[in-house]
């Protein structure tokens, strides 16, 4: 064996290991992106869909919880604004955006739980 064949053999294996390490690095990055998508983006999209379906199913008479922590009853609904009545005082009616509603309890559900 001469010196030239030894250098060529070591150069070829060095090129293969460099290409292999780049492939491994790309696989790690792709795996990290996939894990981040599965742990962060997908659950957030699911939660957003649930919130949109809840807000689209609002009806007059539903009891709601607002982002401020107030409980009230919906008395009127338009496209983006709902009018909510708070407390026993019939004069306390506040218009607010639908996005300020966090939780909804349907009027029919409330009647069923009270009768039990």
PDB file of N, CA and C in Angstrom:
ATOM      1  N   UNK A   1       0.838  -1.162   0.000  1.00  0.00           N
ATOM      2  CA  UNK A   1       0.000   0.000   0.000  1.00  0.00           C
ATOM      3  C   UNK A   1       0.889   1.232   0.000  1.00  0.00           C
ATOM      4  N   UNK A   2       0.515   2.161  -0.830  1.00  0.00           N
ATOM      5  CA  UNK A   2       1.321   3.377  -0.851  1.00  0.00           C
ATOM      6  C   UNK A   2       0.568   4.503  -0.144  1.00  0.00           C
ATOM      7  N   UNK A   3       1.227   5.601  -0.010  1.00  0.00           N
ATOM      8  CA  UNK A   3       0.694   6.748   0.725  1.00  0.00           C
ATOM      9  C   UNK A   3      -0.537   7.338   0.043  1.00  0.00           C
ATOM     10  N   UNK A   4      -0.585   7.334  -1.270  1.00  0.00           N
ATOM     11  CA  UNK A   4      -1.720   7.896  -2.006  1.00  0.00           C
ATOM     12  C   UNK A   4      -2.995   7.104  -1.755  1.00  0.00           C
ATOM     13  N   UNK A   5      -2.915   5.781  -1.752  1.00  0.00           N
ATOM     14  CA  UNK A   5      -4.118   4.980  -1.520  1.00  0.00           C
ATOM     15  C   UNK A   5      -4.619   5.149  -0.079  1.00  0.00           C
ATOM     16  N   UNK A   6      -3.733   5.330   0.875  1.00  0.00           N
ATOM     17  CA  UNK A   6      -4.134   5.548   2.270  1.00  0.00           C
ATOM     18  C   UNK A   6      -4.848   6.892   2.406  1.00  0.00           C
ATOM     19  N   UNK A   7      -4.330   7.938   1.758  1.00  0.00           N
ATOM     20  CA  UNK A   7      -4.960   9.258   1.819  1.00  0.00           C
ATOM     21  C   UNK A   7      -6.325   9.260   1.144  1.00  0.00           C
ATOM     22  N   UNK A   8      -6.446   8.585   0.015  1.00  0.00           N
ATOM     23  CA  UNK A   8      -7.728   8.517  -0.676  1.00  0.00           C
ATOM     24  C   UNK A   8      -8.772   7.771   0.157  1.00  0.00           C
ATOM     25  N   UNK A   9      -8.369   6.696   0.812  1.00  0.00           N
ATOM     26  CA  UNK A   9      -9.288   5.920   1.632  1.00  0.00           C
ATOM     27  C   UNK A   9      -9.760   6.724   2.838  1.00  0.00           C
ATOM     28  N   UNK A  10      -8.834   7.462   3.472  1.00  0.00           N
ATOM     29  CA  UNK A  10      -9.225   8.254   4.642  1.00  0.00           C
ATOM     30  C   UNK A  10     -10.076   9.452   4.234  1.00  0.00           C
ATOM     31  N   UNK A  11      -9.821  10.034   3.065  1.00  0.00           N
ATOM     32  CA  UNK A  11     -10.627  11.155   2.571  1.00  0.00           C
ATOM     33  C   UNK A  11     -12.036  10.737   2.237  1.00  0.00           C
ATOM     34  N   UNK A  12     -12.208   9.555   1.672  1.00  0.00           N
ATOM     35  CA  UNK A  12     -13.542   9.072   1.311  1.00  0.00           C
ATOM     36  C   UNK A  12     -14.371   8.787   2.561  1.00  0.00           C
ATOM     37  N   UNK A  13     -13.767   8.188   3.557  1.00  0.00           N
ATOM     38  CA  UNK A  13     -14.518   7.901   4.786  1.00  0.00           C
ATOM     39  C   UNK A  13     -14.838   9.187   5.531  1.00  0.00           C
ATOM     40  N   UNK A  14     -13.985  10.193   5.435  1.00  0.00           N
ATOM     41  CA  UNK A  14     -14.255  11.490   6.061  1.00  0.00           C
ATOM     42  C   UNK A  14     -15.418  12.190   5.393  1.00  0.00           C
ATOM     43  N   UNK A  15     -15.534  12.088   4.082  1.00  0.00           N
ATOM     44  CA  UNK A  15     -16.648  12.701   3.364  1.00  0.00           C
ATOM     45  C   UNK A  15     -17.953  12.005   3.705  1.00  0.00           C
ATOM     46  N   UNK A  16     -17.889  10.665   3.849  1.00  0.00           N
ATOM     47  CA  UNK A  16     -19.102   9.935   4.202  1.00  0.00           C
ATOM     48  C   UNK A  16     -19.553  10.273   5.618  1.00  0.00           C
ATOM     49  N   UNK A  17     -18.630  10.435   6.544  1.00  0.00           N
ATOM     50  CA  UNK A  17     -19.021  10.749   7.918  1.00  0.00           C
ATOM     51  C   UNK A  17     -19.555  12.178   8.010  1.00  0.00           C
ATOM     52  N   UNK A  18     -19.052  13.098   7.184  1.00  0.00           N
ATOM     53  CA  UNK A  18     -19.578  14.465   7.179  1.00  0.00           C
ATOM     54  C   UNK A  18     -20.997  14.482   6.626  1.00  0.00           C
ATOM     55  N   UNK A  19     -21.234  13.720   5.565  1.00  0.00           N
ATOM     56  CA  UNK A  19     -22.574  13.648   4.991  1.00  0.00           C
ATOM     57  C   UNK A  19     -23.527  12.967   5.976  1.00  0.00           C
ATOM     58  N   UNK A  20     -23.057  11.976   6.671  1.00  0.00           N
ATOM     59  CA  UNK A  20     -23.880  11.290   7.667  1.00  0.00           C
ATOM     60  C   UNK A  20     -24.222  12.188   8.835  1.00  0.00           C
ATOM     61  N   UNK A  21     -23.270  13.002   9.279  1.00  0.00           N
ATOM     62  CA  UNK A  21     -23.547  13.883  10.407  1.00  0.00           C
ATOM     63  C   UNK A  21     -24.524  14.993  10.021  1.00  0.00           C
ATOM     64  N   UNK A  22     -24.480  15.459   8.774  1.00  0.00           N
ATOM     65  CA  UNK A  22     -25.444  16.468   8.319  1.00  0.00           C
ATOM     66  C   UNK A  22     -26.842  15.857   8.269  1.00  0.00           C
ATOM     67  N   UNK A  23     -26.947  14.634   7.814  1.00  0.00           N
ATOM     68  CA  UNK A  23     -28.235  13.949   7.756  1.00  0.00           C
ATOM     69  C   UNK A  23     -28.815  13.759   9.157  1.00  0.00           C
ATOM     70  N   UNK A  24     -27.976  13.377  10.097  1.00  0.00           N
ATOM     71  CA  UNK A  24     -28.421  13.197  11.477  1.00  0.00           C
ATOM     72  C   UNK A  24     -28.879  14.529  12.057  1.00  0.00           C
ATOM     73  N   UNK A  25     -28.154  15.592  11.774  1.00  0.00           N
ATOM     74  CA  UNK A  25     -28.519  16.910  12.290  1.00  0.00           C
ATOM     75  C   UNK A  25     -29.867  17.364  11.716  1.00  0.00           C
ATOM     76  N   UNK A  26     -30.082  17.150  10.445  1.00  0.00           N
ATOM     77  CA  UNK A  26     -31.361  17.517   9.819  1.00  0.00           C
ATOM     78  C   UNK A  26     -32.494  16.693  10.414  1.00  0.00           C
ATOM     79  N   UNK A  27     -32.238  15.421  10.688  1.00  0.00           N
ATOM     80  CA  UNK A  27     -33.264  14.568  11.296  1.00  0.00           C
ATOM     81  C   UNK A  27     -33.609  15.054  12.698  1.00  0.00           C
ATOM     82  N   UNK A  28     -32.615  15.469  13.482  1.00  0.00           N
ATOM     83  CA  UNK A  28     -32.861  15.999  14.831  1.00  0.00           C
ATOM     84  C   UNK A  28     -33.678  17.289  14.777  1.00  0.00           C
ATOM     85  N   UNK A  29     -33.336  18.172  13.877  1.00  0.00           N
ATOM     86  CA  UNK A  29     -34.080  19.431  13.752  1.00  0.00           C
ATOM     87  C   UNK A  29     -35.520  19.146  13.341  1.00  0.00           C
ATOM     88  N   UNK A  30     -35.711  18.260  12.376  1.00  0.00           N
ATOM     89  CA  UNK A  30     -37.066  17.915  11.943  1.00  0.00           C
ATOM     90  C   UNK A  30     -37.849  17.269  13.086  1.00  0.00           C
ATOM     91  N   UNK A  31     -37.200  16.426  13.862  1.00  0.00           N
ATOM     92  CA  UNK A  31     -37.861  15.804  15.017  1.00  0.00           C
ATOM     93  C   UNK A  31     -38.263  16.834  16.063  1.00  0.00           C
ATOM     94  N   UNK A  32     -37.395  17.795  16.330  1.00  0.00           N
ATOM     95  CA  UNK A  32     -37.713  18.853  17.299  1.00  0.00           C
ATOM     96  C   UNK A  32     -38.877  19.709  16.817  1.00  0.00           C
ATOM     97  N   UNK A  33     -38.908  20.037  15.537  1.00  0.00           N
ATOM     98  CA  UNK A  33     -40.016  20.826  14.980  1.00  0.00           C
ATOM     99  C   UNK A  33     -41.316  20.039  15.092  1.00  0.00           C
ATOM    100  N   UNK A  34     -41.287  18.753  14.813  1.00  0.00           N
ATOM    101  CA  UNK A  34     -42.478  17.913  14.916  1.00  0.00           C
ATOM    102  C   UNK A  34     -42.978  17.846  16.354  1.00  0.00           C
ATOM    103  N   UNK A  35     -42.082  17.661  17.293  1.00  0.00           N
ATOM    104  CA  UNK A  35     -42.470  17.606  18.709  1.00  0.00           C
ATOM    105  C   UNK A  35     -43.061  18.940  19.152  1.00  0.00           C
ATOM    106  N   UNK A  36     -42.463  20.051  18.741  1.00  0.00           N
ATOM    107  CA  UNK A  36     -42.981  21.363  19.109  1.00  0.00           C
ATOM    108  C   UNK A  36     -44.377  21.562  18.521  1.00  0.00           C
ATOM    109  N   UNK A  37     -44.600  21.129  17.293  1.00  0.00           N
ATOM    110  CA  UNK A  37     -45.921  21.238  16.672  1.00  0.00           C
ATOM    111  C   UNK A  37     -46.951  20.421  17.456  1.00  0.00           C
ATOM    112  N   UNK A  38     -46.596  19.181  17.796  1.00  0.00           N
ATOM    113  CA  UNK A  38     -47.535  18.313  18.484  1.00  0.00           C
ATOM    114  C   UNK A  38     -47.842  18.780  19.903  1.00  0.00           C
ATOM    115  N   UNK A  39     -46.878  19.401  20.579  1.00  0.00           N
ATOM    116  CA  UNK A  39     -47.079  19.822  21.958  1.00  0.00           C
ATOM    117  C   UNK A  39     -47.636  21.225  22.102  1.00  0.00           C
ATOM    118  N   UNK A  40     -47.431  22.090  21.109  1.00  0.00           N
ATOM    119  CA  UNK A  40     -47.825  23.483  21.275  1.00  0.00           C
ATOM    120  C   UNK A  40     -48.890  23.940  20.283  1.00  0.00           C
ATOM    121  N   UNK A  41     -48.686  23.736  19.029  1.00  0.00           N
ATOM    122  CA  UNK A  41     -49.554  24.319  18.011  1.00  0.00           C
ATOM    123  C   UNK A  41     -50.872  23.563  17.901  1.00  0.00           C
ATOM    124  N   UNK A  42     -50.829  22.266  17.833  1.00  0.00           N
ATOM    125  CA  UNK A  42     -52.044  21.477  17.630  1.00  0.00           C
ATOM    126  C   UNK A  42     -53.041  21.630  18.781  1.00  0.00           C
ATOM    127  N   UNK A  43     -52.623  21.542  20.052  1.00  0.00           N
ATOM    128  CA  UNK A  43     -53.594  21.746  21.136  1.00  0.00           C
ATOM    129  C   UNK A  43     -54.182  23.158  21.148  1.00  0.00           C
ATOM    130  N   UNK A  44     -53.385  24.142  20.775  1.00  0.00           N
ATOM    131  CA  UNK A  44     -53.886  25.507  20.735  1.00  0.00           C
ATOM    132  C   UNK A  44     -54.950  25.674  19.648  1.00  0.00           C
ATOM    133  N   UNK A  45     -54.743  25.062  18.503  1.00  0.00           N
ATOM    134  CA  UNK A  45     -55.743  25.120  17.434  1.00  0.00           C
ATOM    135  C   UNK A  45     -57.021  24.409  17.856  1.00  0.00           C
ATOM    136  N   UNK A  46     -56.902  23.291  18.560  1.00  0.00           N
ATOM    137  CA  UNK A  46     -58.077  22.563  19.035  1.00  0.00           C
ATOM    138  C   UNK A  46     -58.864  23.407  20.025  1.00  0.00           C
ATOM    139  N   UNK A  47     -58.163  24.083  20.935  1.00  0.00           N
ATOM    140  CA  UNK A  47     -58.813  24.941  21.913  1.00  0.00           C
ATOM    141  C   UNK A  47     -59.511  26.118  21.221  1.00  0.00           C
ATOM    142  N   UNK A  48     -58.890  26.681  20.196  1.00  0.00           N
ATOM    143  CA  UNK A  48     -59.482  27.784  19.449  1.00  0.00           C
ATOM    144  C   UNK A  48     -60.761  27.338  18.732  1.00  0.00           C
ATOM    145  N   UNK A  49     -60.744  26.144  18.145  1.00  0.00           N
ATOM    146  CA  UNK A  49     -61.950  25.619  17.489  1.00  0.00           C
ATOM    147  C   UNK A  49     -63.084  25.415  18.484  1.00  0.00           C
ATOM    148  N   UNK A  50     -62.772  24.893  19.679  1.00  0.00           N
ATOM    149  CA  UNK A  50     -63.788  24.681  20.702  1.00  0.00           C
ATOM    150  C   UNK A  50     -64.388  26.009  21.156  1.00  0.00           C
ATOM    151  N   UNK A  51     -63.547  27.035  21.322  1.00  0.00           N
ATOM    152  CA  UNK A  51     -64.023  28.352  21.730  1.00  0.00           C
ATOM    153  C   UNK A  51     -64.930  28.954  20.664  1.00  0.00           C
ATOM    154  N   UNK A  52     -64.537  28.827  19.394  1.00  0.00           N
ATOM    155  CA  UNK A  52     -65.363  29.359  18.309  1.00  0.00           C
ATOM    156  C   UNK A  52     -66.708  28.641  18.229  1.00  0.00           C
ATOM    157  N   UNK A  53     -66.722  27.338  18.433  1.00  0.00           N
ATOM    158  CA  UNK A  53     -67.997  26.605  18.389  1.00  0.00           C
ATOM    159  C   UNK A  53     -68.877  26.989  19.577  1.00  0.00           C
ATOM    160  N   UNK A  54     -68.272  27.224  20.750  1.00  0.00           N
ATOM    161  CA  UNK A  54     -69.029  27.636  21.923  1.00  0.00           C
ATOM    162  C   UNK A  54     -69.660  29.015  21.690  1.00  0.00           C
ATOM    163  N   UNK A  55     -68.878  29.937  21.125  1.00  0.00           N
ATOM    164  CA  UNK A  55     -69.397  31.284  20.896  1.00  0.00           C
ATOM    165  C   UNK A  55     -70.452  31.307  19.799  1.00  0.00           C
ATOM    166  N   UNK A  56     -70.348  30.430  18.826  1.00  0.00           N
ATOM    167  CA  UNK A  56     -71.350  30.398  17.762  1.00  0.00           C
ATOM    168  C   UNK A  56     -72.662  29.771  18.230  1.00  0.00           C
ATOM    169  N   UNK A  57     -72.629  29.023  19.321  1.00  0.00           N
ATOM    170  CA  UNK A  57     -73.848  28.383  19.818  1.00  0.00           C
ATOM    171  C   UNK A  57     -74.521  29.184  20.926  1.00  0.00           C
ATOM    172  N   UNK A  58     -74.106  30.428  21.138  1.00  0.00           N
ATOM    173  CA  UNK A  58     -74.734  31.256  22.172  1.00  0.00           C
ATOM    174  C   UNK A  58     -76.186  31.533  21.831  1.00  0.00           C
ATOM    175  N   UNK A  59     -77.032  31.530  22.854  1.00  0.00           N
ATOM    176  CA  UNK A  59     -78.443  31.821  22.682  1.00  0.00           C
ATOM    177  C   UNK A  59     -78.898  32.739  23.800  1.00  0.00           C
ATOM    178  N   UNK A  60     -80.000  33.427  23.562  1.00  0.00           N
ATOM    179  CA  UNK A  60     -80.581  34.287  24.593  1.00  0.00           C
ATOM    180  C   UNK A  60     -81.022  33.415  25.758  1.00  0.00           C
ATOM    181  N   UNK A  61     -80.688  33.842  26.970  1.00  0.00           N
ATOM    182  CA  UNK A  61     -81.044  33.091  28.171  1.00  0.00           C
ATOM    183  C   UNK A  61     -79.907  32.250  28.726  1.00  0.00           C
ATOM    184  N   UNK A  62     -78.820  32.098  27.983  1.00  0.00           N
ATOM    185  CA  UNK A  62     -77.680  31.321  28.466  1.00  0.00           C
ATOM    186  C   UNK A  62     -76.952  32.077  29.573  1.00  0.00           C
ATOM    187  N   UNK A  63     -76.508  31.356  30.576  1.00  0.00           N
ATOM    188  CA  UNK A  63     -75.683  31.939  31.627  1.00  0.00           C
ATOM    189  C   UNK A  63     -74.230  31.896  31.171  1.00  0.00           C
ATOM    190  N   UNK A  64     -73.505  33.003  31.362  1.00  0.00           N
ATOM    191  CA  UNK A  64     -72.127  33.082  30.884  1.00  0.00           C
ATOM    192  C   UNK A  64     -71.203  33.573  31.990  1.00  0.00           C
ATOM    193  N   UNK A  65     -69.934  33.253  31.833  1.00  0.00           N
ATOM    194  CA  UNK A  65     -68.867  33.761  32.679  1.00  0.00           C
ATOM    195  C   UNK A  65     -67.965  34.592  31.792  1.00  0.00           C
ATOM    196  N   UNK A  66     -67.665  35.824  32.203  1.00  0.00           N
ATOM    197  CA  UNK A  66     -66.836  36.705  31.386  1.00  0.00           C
ATOM    198  C   UNK A  66     -65.378  36.594  31.807  1.00  0.00           C
ATOM    199  N   UNK A  67     -64.491  37.197  31.010  1.00  0.00           N
ATOM    200  CA  UNK A  67     -63.070  37.179  31.341  1.00  0.00           C
ATOM    201  C   UNK A  67     -62.784  37.964  32.610  1.00  0.00           C
ATOM    202  N   UNK A  68     -63.675  38.876  32.981  1.00  0.00           N
ATOM    203  CA  UNK A  68     -63.518  39.646  34.218  1.00  0.00           C
ATOM    204  C   UNK A  68     -63.977  38.896  35.444  1.00  0.00           C
ATOM    205  N   UNK A  69     -64.580  37.714  35.262  1.00  0.00           N
ATOM    206  CA  UNK A  69     -65.027  36.908  36.382  1.00  0.00           C
ATOM    207  C   UNK A  69     -66.467  37.164  36.772  1.00  0.00           C
ATOM    208  N   UNK A  70     -67.220  37.871  35.950  1.00  0.00           N
ATOM    209  CA  UNK A  70     -68.616  38.164  36.250  1.00  0.00           C
ATOM    210  C   UNK A  70     -69.528  37.123  35.615  1.00  0.00           C
ATOM    211  N   UNK A  71     -70.567  36.731  36.356  1.00  0.00           N
ATOM    212  CA  UNK A  71     -71.586  35.831  35.843  1.00  0.00           C
ATOM    213  C   UNK A  71     -72.781  36.661  35.414  1.00  0.00           C
ATOM    214  N   UNK A  72     -73.380  36.297  34.291  1.00  0.00           N
ATOM    215  CA  UNK A  72     -74.539  37.026  33.812  1.00  0.00           C
ATOM    216  C   UNK A  72     -75.366  36.171  32.885  1.00  0.00           C
ATOM    217  N   UNK A  73     -76.459  36.764  32.385  1.00  0.00           N
ATOM    218  CA  UNK A  73     -77.377  36.085  31.483  1.00  0.00           C
ATOM    219  C   UNK A  73     -77.467  36.895  30.205  1.00  0.00           C
ATOM    220  N   UNK A  74     -77.393  36.225  29.078  1.00  0.00           N
ATOM    221  CA  UNK A  74     -77.467  36.905  27.786  1.00  0.00           C
ATOM    222  C   UNK A  74     -78.918  37.300  27.516  1.00  0.00           C
ATOM    223  N   UNK A  75     -79.107  38.597  27.164  1.00  0.00           N
ATOM    224  CA  UNK A  75     -80.464  39.033  26.840  1.00  0.00           C
ATOM    225  C   UNK A  75     -80.597  39.460  25.379  1.00  0.00           C
ATOM    226  N   UNK A  76     -79.475  39.677  24.682  1.00  0.00           N
ATOM    227  CA  UNK A  76     -79.540  40.017  23.264  1.00  0.00           C
ATOM    228  C   UNK A  76     -78.205  39.658  22.614  1.00  0.00           C
ATOM    229  N   UNK A  77     -78.266  39.234  21.355  1.00  0.00           N
ATOM    230  CA  UNK A  77     -77.062  38.831  20.619  1.00  0.00           C
ATOM    231  C   UNK A  77     -77.080  39.479  19.246  1.00  0.00           C
ATOM    232  N   UNK A  78     -75.928  40.053  18.857  1.00  0.00           N
ATOM    233  CA  UNK A  78     -75.739  40.492  17.473  1.00  0.00           C
ATOM    234  C   UNK A  78     -74.486  39.781  16.945  1.00  0.00           C
ATOM    235  N   UNK A  79     -73.930  40.247  15.834  1.00  0.00           N
ATOM    236  CA  UNK A  79     -72.796  39.542  15.223  1.00  0.00           C
ATOM    237  C   UNK A  79     -71.610  39.398  16.174  1.00  0.00           C
ATOM    238  N   UNK A  80     -71.090  40.499  16.679  1.00  0.00           N
ATOM    239  CA  UNK A  80     -69.901  40.444  17.527  1.00  0.00           C
ATOM    240  C   UNK A  80     -70.154  40.915  18.949  1.00  0.00           C
ATOM    241  N   UNK A  81     -71.359  41.412  19.227  1.00  0.00           N
ATOM    242  CA  UNK A  81     -71.657  41.998  20.533  1.00  0.00           C
ATOM    243  C   UNK A  81     -72.829  41.257  21.160  1.00  0.00           C
ATOM    244  N   UNK A  82     -72.706  41.006  22.462  1.00  0.00           N
ATOM    245  CA  UNK A  82     -73.813  40.445  23.231  1.00  0.00           C
ATOM    246  C   UNK A  82     -74.138  41.417  24.360  1.00  0.00           C
ATOM    247  N   UNK A  83     -75.390  41.460  24.759  1.00  0.00           N
ATOM    248  CA  UNK A  83     -75.774  42.271  25.907  1.00  0.00           C
ATOM    249  C   UNK A  83     -76.045  41.300  27.046  1.00  0.00           C
ATOM    250  N   UNK A  84     -75.315  41.511  28.143  1.00  0.00           N
ATOM    251  CA  UNK A  84     -75.381  40.601  29.279  1.00  0.00           C
ATOM    252  C   UNK A  84     -75.974  41.347  30.470  1.00  0.00           C
ATOM    253  N   UNK A  85     -76.887  40.688  31.157  1.00  0.00           N
ATOM    254  CA  UNK A  85     -77.521  41.253  32.350  1.00  0.00           C
ATOM    255  C   UNK A  85     -76.852  40.625  33.567  1.00  0.00           C
ATOM    256  N   UNK A  86     -76.370  41.456  34.474  1.00  0.00           N
ATOM    257  CA  UNK A  86     -75.644  40.995  35.646  1.00  0.00           C
ATOM    258  C   UNK A  86     -76.480  41.179  36.900  1.00  0.00           C
ATOM    259  N   UNK A  87     -76.483  40.196  37.768  1.00  0.00           N
ATOM    260  CA  UNK A  87     -77.142  40.292  39.063  1.00  0.00           C
ATOM    261  C   UNK A  87     -78.653  40.349  38.973  1.00  0.00           C
ATOM    262  N   UNK A  88     -79.278  40.720  40.094  1.00  0.00           N
ATOM    263  CA  UNK A  88     -80.727  40.796  40.170  1.00  0.00           C
ATOM    264  C   UNK A  88     -81.250  42.131  39.671  1.00  0.00           C
ATOM    265  N   UNK A  89     -80.371  43.102  39.549  1.00  0.00           N
ATOM    266  CA  UNK A  89     -80.773  44.424  39.107  1.00  0.00           C
ATOM    267  C   UNK A  89     -81.011  44.384  37.601  1.00  0.00           C
ATOM    268  N   UNK A  90     -82.247  44.623  37.178  1.00  0.00           N
ATOM    269  CA  UNK A  90     -82.576  44.545  35.756  1.00  0.00           C
ATOM    270  C   UNK A  90     -81.993  45.712  34.958  1.00  0.00           C
ATOM    271  N   UNK A  91     -81.470  46.718  35.631  1.00  0.00           N
ATOM    272  CA  UNK A  91     -80.889  47.871  34.945  1.00  0.00           C
ATOM    273  C   UNK A  91     -79.398  47.681  34.651  1.00  0.00           C
ATOM    274  N   UNK A  92     -78.827  46.606  35.106  1.00  0.00           N
ATOM    275  CA  UNK A  92     -77.391  46.373  34.910  1.00  0.00           C
ATOM    276  C   UNK A  92     -77.189  45.499  33.676  1.00  0.00           C
ATOM    277  N   UNK A  93     -77.286  46.133  32.524  1.00  0.00           N
ATOM    278  CA  UNK A  93     -77.098  45.437  31.251  1.00  0.00           C
ATOM    279  C   UNK A  93     -75.896  46.046  30.556  1.00  0.00           C
ATOM    280  N   UNK A  94     -74.942  45.209  30.212  1.00  0.00           N
ATOM    281  CA  UNK A  94     -73.689  45.704  29.641  1.00  0.00           C
ATOM    282  C   UNK A  94     -73.440  45.025  28.301  1.00  0.00           C
ATOM    283  N   UNK A  95     -73.233  45.822  27.244  1.00  0.00           N
ATOM    284  CA  UNK A  95     -72.830  45.222  25.970  1.00  0.00           C
ATOM    285  C   UNK A  95     -71.354  44.853  26.006  1.00  0.00           C
ATOM    286  N   UNK A  96     -71.016  43.713  25.467  1.00  0.00           N
ATOM    287  CA  UNK A  96     -69.607  43.281  25.424  1.00  0.00           C
ATOM    288  C   UNK A  96     -69.375  42.418  24.197  1.00  0.00           C
ATOM    289  N   UNK A  97     -68.111  42.298  23.823  1.00  0.00           N
ATOM    290  CA  UNK A  97     -67.746  41.453  22.687  1.00  0.00           C
ATOM    291  C   UNK A  97     -67.917  39.982  23.061  1.00  0.00           C
ATOM    292  N   UNK A  98     -68.194  39.178  22.055  1.00  0.00           N
ATOM    293  CA  UNK A  98     -68.344  37.741  22.295  1.00  0.00           C
ATOM    294  C   UNK A  98     -67.045  37.131  22.802  1.00  0.00           C
ATOM    295  N   UNK A  99     -65.923  37.685  22.388  1.00  0.00           N
ATOM    296  CA  UNK A  99     -64.629  37.154  22.806  1.00  0.00           C
ATOM    297  C   UNK A  99     -64.373  37.276  24.292  1.00  0.00           C
ATOM    298  N   UNK A 100     -65.159  38.107  24.997  1.00  0.00           N
ATOM    299  CA  UNK A 100     -64.992  38.273  26.440  1.00  0.00           C
ATOM    300  C   UNK A 100     -65.696  37.180  27.227  1.00  0.00           C
ATOM    301  N   UNK A 101     -66.368  36.285  26.550  1.00  0.00           N
ATOM    302  CA  UNK A 101     -67.069  35.191  27.218  1.00  0.00           C
ATOM    303  C   UNK A 101     -66.158  33.972  27.265  1.00  0.00           C
ATOM    304  N   UNK A 102     -66.005  33.437  28.462  1.00  0.00           N
ATOM    305  CA  UNK A 102     -65.092  32.318  28.674  1.00  0.00           C
ATOM    306  C   UNK A 102     -65.834  30.998  28.795  1.00  0.00           C
ATOM    307  N   UNK A 103     -66.998  31.027  29.434  1.00  0.00           N
ATOM    308  CA  UNK A 103     -67.712  29.792  29.731  1.00  0.00           C
ATOM    309  C   UNK A 103     -69.204  30.027  29.529  1.00  0.00           C
ATOM    310  N   UNK A 104     -69.908  29.014  29.046  1.00  0.00           N
ATOM    311  CA  UNK A 104     -71.348  29.126  28.787  1.00  0.00           C
ATOM    312  C   UNK A 104     -72.063  27.943  29.427  1.00  0.00           C
ATOM    313  N   UNK A 105     -73.165  28.248  30.095  1.00  0.00           N
ATOM    314  CA  UNK A 105     -74.041  27.196  30.601  1.00  0.00           C
ATOM    315  C   UNK A 105     -75.389  27.412  29.935  1.00  0.00           C
ATOM    316  N   UNK A 106     -75.829  26.438  29.179  1.00  0.00           N
ATOM    317  CA  UNK A 106     -77.069  26.560  28.423  1.00  0.00           C
ATOM    318  C   UNK A 106     -78.257  26.701  29.359  1.00  0.00           C
ATOM    319  N   UNK A 107     -79.266  27.424  28.906  1.00  0.00           N
ATOM    320  CA  UNK A 107     -80.462  27.674  29.714  1.00  0.00           C
ATOM    321  C   UNK A 107     -81.179  26.367  30.038  1.00  0.00           C
ATOM    322  N   UNK A 108     -81.278  25.448  29.106  1.00  0.00           N
ATOM    323  CA  UNK A 108     -81.953  24.168  29.340  1.00  0.00           C
ATOM    324  C   UNK A 108     -81.205  23.341  30.380  1.00  0.00           C
ATOM    325  N   UNK A 109     -79.869  23.391  30.369  1.00  0.00           N
ATOM    326  CA  UNK A 109     -79.075  22.645  31.355  1.00  0.00           C
ATOM    327  C   UNK A 109     -79.312  23.191  32.753  1.00  0.00           C
ATOM    328  N   UNK A 110     -79.410  24.506  32.873  1.00  0.00           N
ATOM    329  CA  UNK A 110     -79.633  25.122  34.170  1.00  0.00           C
ATOM    330  C   UNK A 110     -80.970  24.736  34.754  1.00  0.00           C
ATOM    331  N   UNK A 111     -82.016  24.602  33.934  1.00  0.00           N
ATOM    332  CA  UNK A 111     -83.334  24.218  34.405  1.00  0.00           C
ATOM    333  C   UNK A 111     -83.334  22.775  34.887  1.00  0.00           C
ATOM    334  N   UNK A 112     -82.631  21.906  34.164  1.00  0.00           N
ATOM    335  CA  UNK A 112     -82.576  20.490  34.532  1.00  0.00           C
ATOM    336  C   UNK A 112     -81.857  20.299  35.870  1.00  0.00           C
ATOM    337  N   UNK A 113     -80.760  21.018  36.090  1.00  0.00           N
ATOM    338  CA  UNK A 113     -80.010  20.838  37.332  1.00  0.00           C
ATOM    339  C   UNK A 113     -80.774  21.405  38.511  1.00  0.00           C
ATOM    340  N   UNK A 114     -81.587  22.439  38.320  1.00  0.00           N
ATOM    341  CA  UNK A 114     -82.351  23.007  39.416  1.00  0.00           C
ATOM    342  C   UNK A 114     -83.503  22.088  39.817  1.00  0.00           C
ATOM    343  N   UNK A 115     -84.066  21.354  38.884  1.00  0.00           N
ATOM    344  CA  UNK A 115     -85.215  20.513  39.188  1.00  0.00           C
ATOM    345  C   UNK A 115     -84.822  19.209  39.885  1.00  0.00           C
ATOM    346  N   UNK A 116     -83.564  18.837  39.831  1.00  0.00           N
ATOM    347  CA  UNK A 116     -83.131  17.568  40.455  1.00  0.00           C
ATOM    348  C   UNK A 116     -83.049  17.660  41.932  1.00  0.00           C
TER     349      UNK A 116
END
